[in-house]
């Protein structure tokens, strides 16, 4: 089996299990390597408005890094990478860069979970969808994803079509929007992630869609692989389906990172 680069820990406030439990699962499932990518602090909100059930405190980031370093030593030579998942917010790039530059991450996953402060992937705020026209919402989401790629802050864009999580979809042809977005991703040199967590939510689909993935392949965008595990048993979740999808889109390898340097594994 390939690698799993999207694994969370209890430090994010909504995952369970110790790091060692996730590593043991990965080894048992025959993964080649893994990467922890817990949620970075919510730098884009004032401290008093940060939701600690979504991301760690800023002062906890050093403990997270130290924890990953410890399991790296404990399980050597099994490869465990130090990653992080950070939200993109336009206009706050310098603030995020200052956080990320404090540590020697192997890779940074870039995510879009918020649009104008609305946590659209949080079921607590699902009623907000009723305030949007779906075509416009998708345009705004993918425009923000493009900006995230162009920021240069991220190595991989996580769950690229997360906006479909609750099954809300537009009636327009998404191919032109996908192509416009992928062109910018390709130009930026950013990779994208195929993420199996979409199978565990109302969307019932892997992130991204096969069509989006096919367009990424046509533009030469490298792909990483992640389960978005929030429980040890979710490591490598439905990776057989993910590999089949990658092959259907024309991919024969996935990308990995060591201190930001790319390497490729065949699938």
C-alpha atoms as a PDB file:
ATOM      1  CA  UNK A   1       0.000   0.000   0.000  1.00  0.00           C
ATOM      2  CA  UNK A   2       1.123   3.607  -0.582  1.00  0.00           C
ATOM      3  CA  UNK A   3       1.462   6.376   1.989  1.00  0.00           C
ATOM      4  CA  UNK A   4      -1.025   8.169   4.241  1.00  0.00           C
ATOM      5  CA  UNK A   5      -0.124  11.827   4.624  1.00  0.00           C
ATOM      6  CA  UNK A   6      -3.261  13.081   6.341  1.00  0.00           C
ATOM      7  CA  UNK A   7      -3.421  11.770   9.905  1.00  0.00           C
ATOM      8  CA  UNK A   8      -4.647  13.811  12.862  1.00  0.00           C
ATOM      9  CA  UNK A   9      -4.007  13.464  16.579  1.00  0.00           C
ATOM     10  CA  UNK A  10      -5.990  14.161  19.733  1.00  0.00           C
ATOM     11  CA  UNK A  11      -4.336  17.596  19.866  1.00  0.00           C
ATOM     12  CA  UNK A  12      -6.745  18.910  17.237  1.00  0.00           C
ATOM     13  CA  UNK A  13      -9.588  18.556  19.742  1.00  0.00           C
ATOM     14  CA  UNK A  14     -11.757  16.256  17.651  1.00  0.00           C
ATOM     15  CA  UNK A  15      -9.581  13.194  17.052  1.00  0.00           C
ATOM     16  CA  UNK A  16      -8.923  10.301  19.441  1.00  0.00           C
ATOM     17  CA  UNK A  17      -6.032   7.985  20.112  1.00  0.00           C
ATOM     18  CA  UNK A  18      -2.317   8.387  20.681  1.00  0.00           C
ATOM     19  CA  UNK A  19       0.203   8.844  17.893  1.00  0.00           C
ATOM     20  CA  UNK A  20       1.602   5.380  18.547  1.00  0.00           C
ATOM     21  CA  UNK A  21      -1.804   3.825  17.854  1.00  0.00           C
ATOM     22  CA  UNK A  22      -1.937   5.467  14.431  1.00  0.00           C
ATOM     23  CA  UNK A  23       1.571   4.268  13.617  1.00  0.00           C
ATOM     24  CA  UNK A  24       0.760   0.715  14.689  1.00  0.00           C
ATOM     25  CA  UNK A  25      -2.291   0.707  12.435  1.00  0.00           C
ATOM     26  CA  UNK A  26      -0.222   1.950   9.504  1.00  0.00           C
ATOM     27  CA  UNK A  27       2.380  -0.753   9.968  1.00  0.00           C
ATOM     28  CA  UNK A  28      -0.296  -3.446  10.344  1.00  0.00           C
ATOM     29  CA  UNK A  29      -1.932  -2.295   7.107  1.00  0.00           C
ATOM     30  CA  UNK A  30       1.334  -2.379   5.186  1.00  0.00           C
ATOM     31  CA  UNK A  31       1.669   1.334   4.471  1.00  0.00           C
ATOM     32  CA  UNK A  32       5.082   2.426   3.196  1.00  0.00           C
ATOM     33  CA  UNK A  33       5.147   5.590   5.290  1.00  0.00           C
ATOM     34  CA  UNK A  34       2.844   8.054   7.004  1.00  0.00           C
ATOM     35  CA  UNK A  35       2.702  11.709   7.892  1.00  0.00           C
ATOM     36  CA  UNK A  36       0.952  13.440  10.762  1.00  0.00           C
ATOM     37  CA  UNK A  37      -0.805  16.631   9.671  1.00  0.00           C
ATOM     38  CA  UNK A  38      -2.700  18.065  12.576  1.00  0.00           C
ATOM     39  CA  UNK A  39      -4.664  21.318  12.389  1.00  0.00           C
ATOM     40  CA  UNK A  40      -2.563  24.445  12.813  1.00  0.00           C
ATOM     41  CA  UNK A  41      -3.832  27.118  15.225  1.00  0.00           C
ATOM     42  CA  UNK A  42      -6.688  29.300  13.981  1.00  0.00           C
ATOM     43  CA  UNK A  43      -4.455  32.302  13.338  1.00  0.00           C
ATOM     44  CA  UNK A  44      -7.180  33.948  11.235  1.00  0.00           C
ATOM     45  CA  UNK A  45      -9.525  34.498  14.215  1.00  0.00           C
ATOM     46  CA  UNK A  46      -8.938  36.537  17.387  1.00  0.00           C
ATOM     47  CA  UNK A  47      -7.794  34.295  20.244  1.00  0.00           C
ATOM     48  CA  UNK A  48     -11.140  34.573  22.054  1.00  0.00           C
ATOM     49  CA  UNK A  49     -13.024  33.327  18.970  1.00  0.00           C
ATOM     50  CA  UNK A  50     -10.863  30.299  18.229  1.00  0.00           C
ATOM     51  CA  UNK A  51     -12.647  26.957  18.465  1.00  0.00           C
ATOM     52  CA  UNK A  52     -10.446  24.537  20.396  1.00  0.00           C
ATOM     53  CA  UNK A  53     -12.514  21.598  19.140  1.00  0.00           C
ATOM     54  CA  UNK A  54     -11.178  22.340  15.651  1.00  0.00           C
ATOM     55  CA  UNK A  55      -7.509  23.190  16.097  1.00  0.00           C
ATOM     56  CA  UNK A  56      -4.764  23.375  18.698  1.00  0.00           C
ATOM     57  CA  UNK A  57      -3.712  26.469  20.592  1.00  0.00           C
ATOM     58  CA  UNK A  58      -0.700  28.335  19.260  1.00  0.00           C
ATOM     59  CA  UNK A  59       1.273  27.463  22.386  1.00  0.00           C
ATOM     60  CA  UNK A  60       0.573  23.747  21.794  1.00  0.00           C
ATOM     61  CA  UNK A  61       2.234  23.663  18.386  1.00  0.00           C
ATOM     62  CA  UNK A  62       5.691  23.041  19.865  1.00  0.00           C
ATOM     63  CA  UNK A  63       4.286  20.080  21.840  1.00  0.00           C
ATOM     64  CA  UNK A  64       2.783  18.629  18.663  1.00  0.00           C
ATOM     65  CA  UNK A  65       6.101  18.878  16.821  1.00  0.00           C
ATOM     66  CA  UNK A  66       7.941  17.330  19.774  1.00  0.00           C
ATOM     67  CA  UNK A  67       5.404  14.489  19.882  1.00  0.00           C
ATOM     68  CA  UNK A  68       5.935  13.635  16.226  1.00  0.00           C
ATOM     69  CA  UNK A  69       9.703  13.753  16.700  1.00  0.00           C
ATOM     70  CA  UNK A  70       9.387  11.262  19.550  1.00  0.00           C
ATOM     71  CA  UNK A  71       7.401   8.726  17.534  1.00  0.00           C
ATOM     72  CA  UNK A  72       9.843   9.163  14.643  1.00  0.00           C
ATOM     73  CA  UNK A  73      12.629   8.030  16.949  1.00  0.00           C
ATOM     74  CA  UNK A  74      10.573   5.251  18.497  1.00  0.00           C
ATOM     75  CA  UNK A  75       9.582   3.651  15.186  1.00  0.00           C
ATOM     76  CA  UNK A  76      12.712   4.303  13.127  1.00  0.00           C
ATOM     77  CA  UNK A  77      13.356   3.169  10.371  1.00  0.00           C
ATOM     78  CA  UNK A  78       9.614   3.244   9.543  1.00  0.00           C
ATOM     79  CA  UNK A  79       9.189   6.634   7.837  1.00  0.00           C
ATOM     80  CA  UNK A  80       6.987   9.089   9.762  1.00  0.00           C
ATOM     81  CA  UNK A  81       6.840  12.614   8.373  1.00  0.00           C
ATOM     82  CA  UNK A  82       6.157  15.859  10.201  1.00  0.00           C
ATOM     83  CA  UNK A  83       3.347  17.634   8.430  1.00  0.00           C
ATOM     84  CA  UNK A  84       0.690  20.139   9.351  1.00  0.00           C
ATOM     85  CA  UNK A  85      -2.686  21.156   7.946  1.00  0.00           C
ATOM     86  CA  UNK A  86      -3.194  24.908   7.770  1.00  0.00           C
ATOM     87  CA  UNK A  87      -6.218  26.878   6.629  1.00  0.00           C
ATOM     88  CA  UNK A  88      -5.817  29.536   3.993  1.00  0.00           C
ATOM     89  CA  UNK A  89      -7.302  32.979   4.548  1.00  0.00           C
ATOM     90  CA  UNK A  90      -6.700  35.681   1.959  1.00  0.00           C
ATOM     91  CA  UNK A  91      -4.845  38.697   3.307  1.00  0.00           C
ATOM     92  CA  UNK A  92      -3.312  36.801   6.232  1.00  0.00           C
ATOM     93  CA  UNK A  93      -0.509  35.030   4.387  1.00  0.00           C
ATOM     94  CA  UNK A  94       2.264  36.715   6.373  1.00  0.00           C
ATOM     95  CA  UNK A  95       0.745  35.679   9.681  1.00  0.00           C
ATOM     96  CA  UNK A  96       0.512  32.040   8.579  1.00  0.00           C
ATOM     97  CA  UNK A  97       4.026  32.092   7.133  1.00  0.00           C
ATOM     98  CA  UNK A  98       5.380  33.314  10.475  1.00  0.00           C
ATOM     99  CA  UNK A  99       3.802  30.293  12.209  1.00  0.00           C
ATOM    100  CA  UNK A 100       4.935  27.747   9.632  1.00  0.00           C
ATOM    101  CA  UNK A 101       8.494  29.063   9.447  1.00  0.00           C
ATOM    102  CA  UNK A 102       9.112  28.278  13.112  1.00  0.00           C
ATOM    103  CA  UNK A 103       9.363  24.555  12.385  1.00  0.00           C
ATOM    104  CA  UNK A 104      11.028  22.276   9.869  1.00  0.00           C
ATOM    105  CA  UNK A 105       7.917  20.631   8.443  1.00  0.00           C
ATOM    106  CA  UNK A 106       8.316  17.960   5.805  1.00  0.00           C
ATOM    107  CA  UNK A 107       5.177  19.248   4.111  1.00  0.00           C
ATOM    108  CA  UNK A 108       2.250  21.593   4.682  1.00  0.00           C
ATOM    109  CA  UNK A 109      -1.293  20.673   3.696  1.00  0.00           C
ATOM    110  CA  UNK A 110      -3.306  23.694   2.634  1.00  0.00           C
ATOM    111  CA  UNK A 111      -7.029  23.652   3.320  1.00  0.00           C
ATOM    112  CA  UNK A 112     -10.070  25.814   2.728  1.00  0.00           C
ATOM    113  CA  UNK A 113     -12.583  25.190   5.535  1.00  0.00           C
ATOM    114  CA  UNK A 114     -13.814  28.768   5.928  1.00  0.00           C
ATOM    115  CA  UNK A 115     -15.391  31.240   3.519  1.00  0.00           C
ATOM    116  CA  UNK A 116     -15.830  34.741   4.926  1.00  0.00           C
ATOM    117  CA  UNK A 117     -15.518  33.268   8.418  1.00  0.00           C
ATOM    118  CA  UNK A 118     -18.151  30.581   7.793  1.00  0.00           C
ATOM    119  CA  UNK A 119     -17.001  27.056   8.612  1.00  0.00           C
ATOM    120  CA  UNK A 120     -18.880  25.456   5.735  1.00  0.00           C
ATOM    121  CA  UNK A 121     -17.726  21.903   6.499  1.00  0.00           C
ATOM    122  CA  UNK A 122     -18.964  22.062  10.104  1.00  0.00           C
ATOM    123  CA  UNK A 123     -22.406  20.497  10.580  1.00  0.00           C
ATOM    124  CA  UNK A 124     -23.187  23.082  13.265  1.00  0.00           C
ATOM    125  CA  UNK A 125     -23.370  25.729  10.535  1.00  0.00           C
ATOM    126  CA  UNK A 126     -25.054  23.750   7.778  1.00  0.00           C
ATOM    127  CA  UNK A 127     -28.058  26.119   7.724  1.00  0.00           C
ATOM    128  CA  UNK A 128     -25.802  28.756   6.169  1.00  0.00           C
ATOM    129  CA  UNK A 129     -25.946  26.890   2.850  1.00  0.00           C
ATOM    130  CA  UNK A 130     -29.507  28.148   2.420  1.00  0.00           C
ATOM    131  CA  UNK A 131     -28.153  31.692   2.142  1.00  0.00           C
ATOM    132  CA  UNK A 132     -26.074  30.856  -0.916  1.00  0.00           C
ATOM    133  CA  UNK A 133     -26.781  30.302  -4.580  1.00  0.00           C
ATOM    134  CA  UNK A 134     -24.855  27.082  -5.231  1.00  0.00           C
ATOM    135  CA  UNK A 135     -23.186  28.147  -8.479  1.00  0.00           C
ATOM    136  CA  UNK A 136     -21.844  31.260  -6.770  1.00  0.00           C
ATOM    137  CA  UNK A 137     -20.722  29.291  -3.717  1.00  0.00           C
ATOM    138  CA  UNK A 138     -18.698  26.888  -5.857  1.00  0.00           C
ATOM    139  CA  UNK A 139     -17.134  29.805  -7.734  1.00  0.00           C
ATOM    140  CA  UNK A 140     -16.093  31.430  -4.455  1.00  0.00           C
ATOM    141  CA  UNK A 141     -14.739  28.176  -3.027  1.00  0.00           C
ATOM    142  CA  UNK A 142     -12.605  27.273  -6.032  1.00  0.00           C
ATOM    143  CA  UNK A 143     -11.382  30.845  -6.384  1.00  0.00           C
ATOM    144  CA  UNK A 144     -10.184  30.655  -2.777  1.00  0.00           C
ATOM    145  CA  UNK A 145      -8.543  27.282  -3.440  1.00  0.00           C
ATOM    146  CA  UNK A 146      -6.700  28.860  -6.382  1.00  0.00           C
ATOM    147  CA  UNK A 147      -5.501  31.689  -4.153  1.00  0.00           C
ATOM    148  CA  UNK A 148      -4.252  29.134  -1.643  1.00  0.00           C
ATOM    149  CA  UNK A 149      -2.184  27.470  -4.360  1.00  0.00           C
ATOM    150  CA  UNK A 150      -0.830  30.773  -5.614  1.00  0.00           C
ATOM    151  CA  UNK A 151       0.182  31.858  -2.087  1.00  0.00           C
ATOM    152  CA  UNK A 152       3.168  29.497  -2.160  1.00  0.00           C
ATOM    153  CA  UNK A 153       2.540  28.535   1.451  1.00  0.00           C
ATOM    154  CA  UNK A 154       1.483  24.954   0.815  1.00  0.00           C
ATOM    155  CA  UNK A 155       2.992  21.807  -0.629  1.00  0.00           C
ATOM    156  CA  UNK A 156      -0.312  19.958  -1.031  1.00  0.00           C
ATOM    157  CA  UNK A 157      -3.927  21.118  -1.265  1.00  0.00           C
ATOM    158  CA  UNK A 158      -6.024  18.868   0.967  1.00  0.00           C
ATOM    159  CA  UNK A 159      -9.459  17.542  -0.031  1.00  0.00           C
ATOM    160  CA  UNK A 160      -9.668  19.919  -3.028  1.00  0.00           C
ATOM    161  CA  UNK A 161     -13.447  19.816  -3.481  1.00  0.00           C
ATOM    162  CA  UNK A 162     -14.411  19.811   0.199  1.00  0.00           C
ATOM    163  CA  UNK A 163     -17.319  22.122  -0.628  1.00  0.00           C
ATOM    164  CA  UNK A 164     -19.320  19.037  -1.702  1.00  0.00           C
ATOM    165  CA  UNK A 165     -19.108  17.508   1.813  1.00  0.00           C
ATOM    166  CA  UNK A 166     -22.812  17.782   2.684  1.00  0.00           C
ATOM    167  CA  UNK A 167     -24.044  16.954  -0.801  1.00  0.00           C
ATOM    168  CA  UNK A 168     -24.847  20.513  -1.898  1.00  0.00           C
ATOM    169  CA  UNK A 169     -24.027  20.791  -5.588  1.00  0.00           C
ATOM    170  CA  UNK A 170     -24.539  23.393  -8.302  1.00  0.00           C
ATOM    171  CA  UNK A 171     -26.477  22.868 -11.498  1.00  0.00           C
ATOM    172  CA  UNK A 172     -23.717  24.239 -13.724  1.00  0.00           C
ATOM    173  CA  UNK A 173     -21.106  22.272 -15.640  1.00  0.00           C
ATOM    174  CA  UNK A 174     -18.158  22.151 -13.256  1.00  0.00           C
ATOM    175  CA  UNK A 175     -15.536  21.190 -15.847  1.00  0.00           C
ATOM    176  CA  UNK A 176     -14.657  24.790 -16.871  1.00  0.00           C
ATOM    177  CA  UNK A 177     -14.348  25.773 -13.201  1.00  0.00           C
ATOM    178  CA  UNK A 178     -12.187  22.740 -12.481  1.00  0.00           C
ATOM    179  CA  UNK A 179      -9.940  23.501 -15.449  1.00  0.00           C
ATOM    180  CA  UNK A 180      -9.554  27.161 -14.497  1.00  0.00           C
ATOM    181  CA  UNK A 181      -8.587  26.114 -10.969  1.00  0.00           C
ATOM    182  CA  UNK A 182      -6.224  23.314 -11.981  1.00  0.00           C
ATOM    183  CA  UNK A 183      -4.342  25.581 -14.389  1.00  0.00           C
ATOM    184  CA  UNK A 184      -3.491  27.837 -11.454  1.00  0.00           C
ATOM    185  CA  UNK A 185      -2.578  24.901  -9.218  1.00  0.00           C
ATOM    186  CA  UNK A 186      -0.287  23.496 -11.906  1.00  0.00           C
ATOM    187  CA  UNK A 187       1.386  26.861 -12.481  1.00  0.00           C
ATOM    188  CA  UNK A 188       2.009  27.242  -8.747  1.00  0.00           C
ATOM    189  CA  UNK A 189       3.733  23.852  -8.491  1.00  0.00           C
ATOM    190  CA  UNK A 190       1.415  22.777  -5.681  1.00  0.00           C
ATOM    191  CA  UNK A 191       0.334  19.137  -5.391  1.00  0.00           C
ATOM    192  CA  UNK A 192      -3.200  17.981  -4.638  1.00  0.00           C
ATOM    193  CA  UNK A 193      -4.472  15.299  -2.316  1.00  0.00           C
ATOM    194  CA  UNK A 194      -6.812  12.427  -2.992  1.00  0.00           C
ATOM    195  CA  UNK A 195      -8.634  12.064   0.321  1.00  0.00           C
ATOM    196  CA  UNK A 196     -10.882   9.151   1.249  1.00  0.00           C
ATOM    197  CA  UNK A 197     -12.693  10.980   4.082  1.00  0.00           C
ATOM    198  CA  UNK A 198     -15.373  12.001   1.572  1.00  0.00           C
ATOM    199  CA  UNK A 199     -16.619   8.421   1.727  1.00  0.00           C
ATOM    200  CA  UNK A 200     -17.422   8.899   5.432  1.00  0.00           C
ATOM    201  CA  UNK A 201     -19.638  11.977   4.995  1.00  0.00           C
ATOM    202  CA  UNK A 202     -22.930  12.741   3.191  1.00  0.00           C
ATOM    203  CA  UNK A 203     -21.114  13.390  -0.105  1.00  0.00           C
ATOM    204  CA  UNK A 204     -20.240   9.695  -0.234  1.00  0.00           C
ATOM    205  CA  UNK A 205     -17.401  10.441  -2.670  1.00  0.00           C
ATOM    206  CA  UNK A 206     -13.640  10.593  -2.508  1.00  0.00           C
ATOM    207  CA  UNK A 207     -12.160  14.100  -2.624  1.00  0.00           C
ATOM    208  CA  UNK A 208     -11.689  15.241  -5.374  1.00  0.00           C
ATOM    209  CA  UNK A 209     -14.067  13.994  -8.062  1.00  0.00           C
ATOM    210  CA  UNK A 210     -12.696  11.769 -10.806  1.00  0.00           C
ATOM    211  CA  UNK A 211     -13.177  14.558 -13.361  1.00  0.00           C
ATOM    212  CA  UNK A 212     -11.151  17.013 -11.247  1.00  0.00           C
ATOM    213  CA  UNK A 213      -8.468  14.354 -10.831  1.00  0.00           C
ATOM    214  CA  UNK A 214      -8.358  13.662 -14.562  1.00  0.00           C
ATOM    215  CA  UNK A 215      -7.832  17.356 -15.266  1.00  0.00           C
ATOM    216  CA  UNK A 216      -5.054  17.453 -12.672  1.00  0.00           C
ATOM    217  CA  UNK A 217      -3.401  14.546 -14.452  1.00  0.00           C
ATOM    218  CA  UNK A 218      -3.659  16.286 -17.812  1.00  0.00           C
ATOM    219  CA  UNK A 219      -1.798  19.291 -16.362  1.00  0.00           C
ATOM    220  CA  UNK A 220       0.834  17.198 -14.605  1.00  0.00           C
ATOM    221  CA  UNK A 221      -0.215  18.015 -11.038  1.00  0.00           C
ATOM    222  CA  UNK A 222       1.321  15.485  -8.597  1.00  0.00           C
ATOM    223  CA  UNK A 223      -0.997  13.721  -6.162  1.00  0.00           C
ATOM    224  CA  UNK A 224      -0.632  12.776  -2.526  1.00  0.00           C
ATOM    225  CA  UNK A 225      -2.818  10.336  -0.626  1.00  0.00           C
ATOM    226  CA  UNK A 226      -4.571  10.784   2.726  1.00  0.00           C
ATOM    227  CA  UNK A 227      -7.239   9.189   4.882  1.00  0.00           C
ATOM    228  CA  UNK A 228      -7.906  12.248   7.060  1.00  0.00           C
ATOM    229  CA  UNK A 229      -7.850   9.793   9.948  1.00  0.00           C
ATOM    230  CA  UNK A 230      -9.306  11.028  13.229  1.00  0.00           C
ATOM    231  CA  UNK A 231      -9.278   7.541  14.768  1.00  0.00           C
ATOM    232  CA  UNK A 232      -6.474   4.968  14.543  1.00  0.00           C
ATOM    233  CA  UNK A 233      -8.686   2.527  12.649  1.00  0.00           C
ATOM    234  CA  UNK A 234      -9.212   5.103   9.883  1.00  0.00           C
ATOM    235  CA  UNK A 235      -5.549   5.048   8.809  1.00  0.00           C
ATOM    236  CA  UNK A 236      -5.419   3.938   5.168  1.00  0.00           C
ATOM    237  CA  UNK A 237      -9.213   4.123   4.983  1.00  0.00           C
ATOM    238  CA  UNK A 238     -10.509   2.673   1.693  1.00  0.00           C
ATOM    239  CA  UNK A 239      -7.150   3.154   0.022  1.00  0.00           C
ATOM    240  CA  UNK A 240      -7.962   0.370  -2.415  1.00  0.00           C
ATOM    241  CA  UNK A 241     -10.696   2.578  -3.867  1.00  0.00           C
ATOM    242  CA  UNK A 242      -8.358   5.561  -3.911  1.00  0.00           C
ATOM    243  CA  UNK A 243      -5.659   3.673  -5.805  1.00  0.00           C
ATOM    244  CA  UNK A 244      -8.236   2.423  -8.314  1.00  0.00           C
ATOM    245  CA  UNK A 245      -9.390   6.002  -8.827  1.00  0.00           C
ATOM    246  CA  UNK A 246      -5.843   7.264  -9.275  1.00  0.00           C
ATOM    247  CA  UNK A 247      -5.181   4.636 -11.908  1.00  0.00           C
ATOM    248  CA  UNK A 248      -8.478   5.435 -13.652  1.00  0.00           C
ATOM    249  CA  UNK A 249      -7.353   9.076 -13.885  1.00  0.00           C
ATOM    250  CA  UNK A 250      -4.026   8.009 -15.400  1.00  0.00           C
ATOM    251  CA  UNK A 251      -1.745   8.239 -12.371  1.00  0.00           C
ATOM    252  CA  UNK A 252       0.937   5.639 -11.688  1.00  0.00           C
ATOM    253  CA  UNK A 253       2.614   7.226  -8.651  1.00  0.00           C
ATOM    254  CA  UNK A 254       2.017   9.361  -5.567  1.00  0.00           C
ATOM    255  CA  UNK A 255       4.218  12.116  -4.202  1.00  0.00           C
ATOM    256  CA  UNK A 256       5.948  12.153  -0.824  1.00  0.00           C
ATOM    257  CA  UNK A 257       8.003  14.816   0.929  1.00  0.00           C
ATOM    258  CA  UNK A 258      11.102  14.974   3.084  1.00  0.00           C
ATOM    259  CA  UNK A 259      11.842  18.522   4.278  1.00  0.00           C
ATOM    260  CA  UNK A 260       9.880  19.845   1.292  1.00  0.00           C
ATOM    261  CA  UNK A 261      11.762  17.673  -1.238  1.00  0.00           C
ATOM    262  CA  UNK A 262       9.576  15.524  -3.466  1.00  0.00           C
ATOM    263  CA  UNK A 263       9.948  11.813  -4.072  1.00  0.00           C
ATOM    264  CA  UNK A 264       7.538   9.522  -5.917  1.00  0.00           C
ATOM    265  CA  UNK A 265       6.220   6.041  -5.108  1.00  0.00           C
ATOM    266  CA  UNK A 266       4.604   3.797  -7.679  1.00  0.00           C
ATOM    267  CA  UNK A 267       1.080   2.556  -6.988  1.00  0.00           C
END
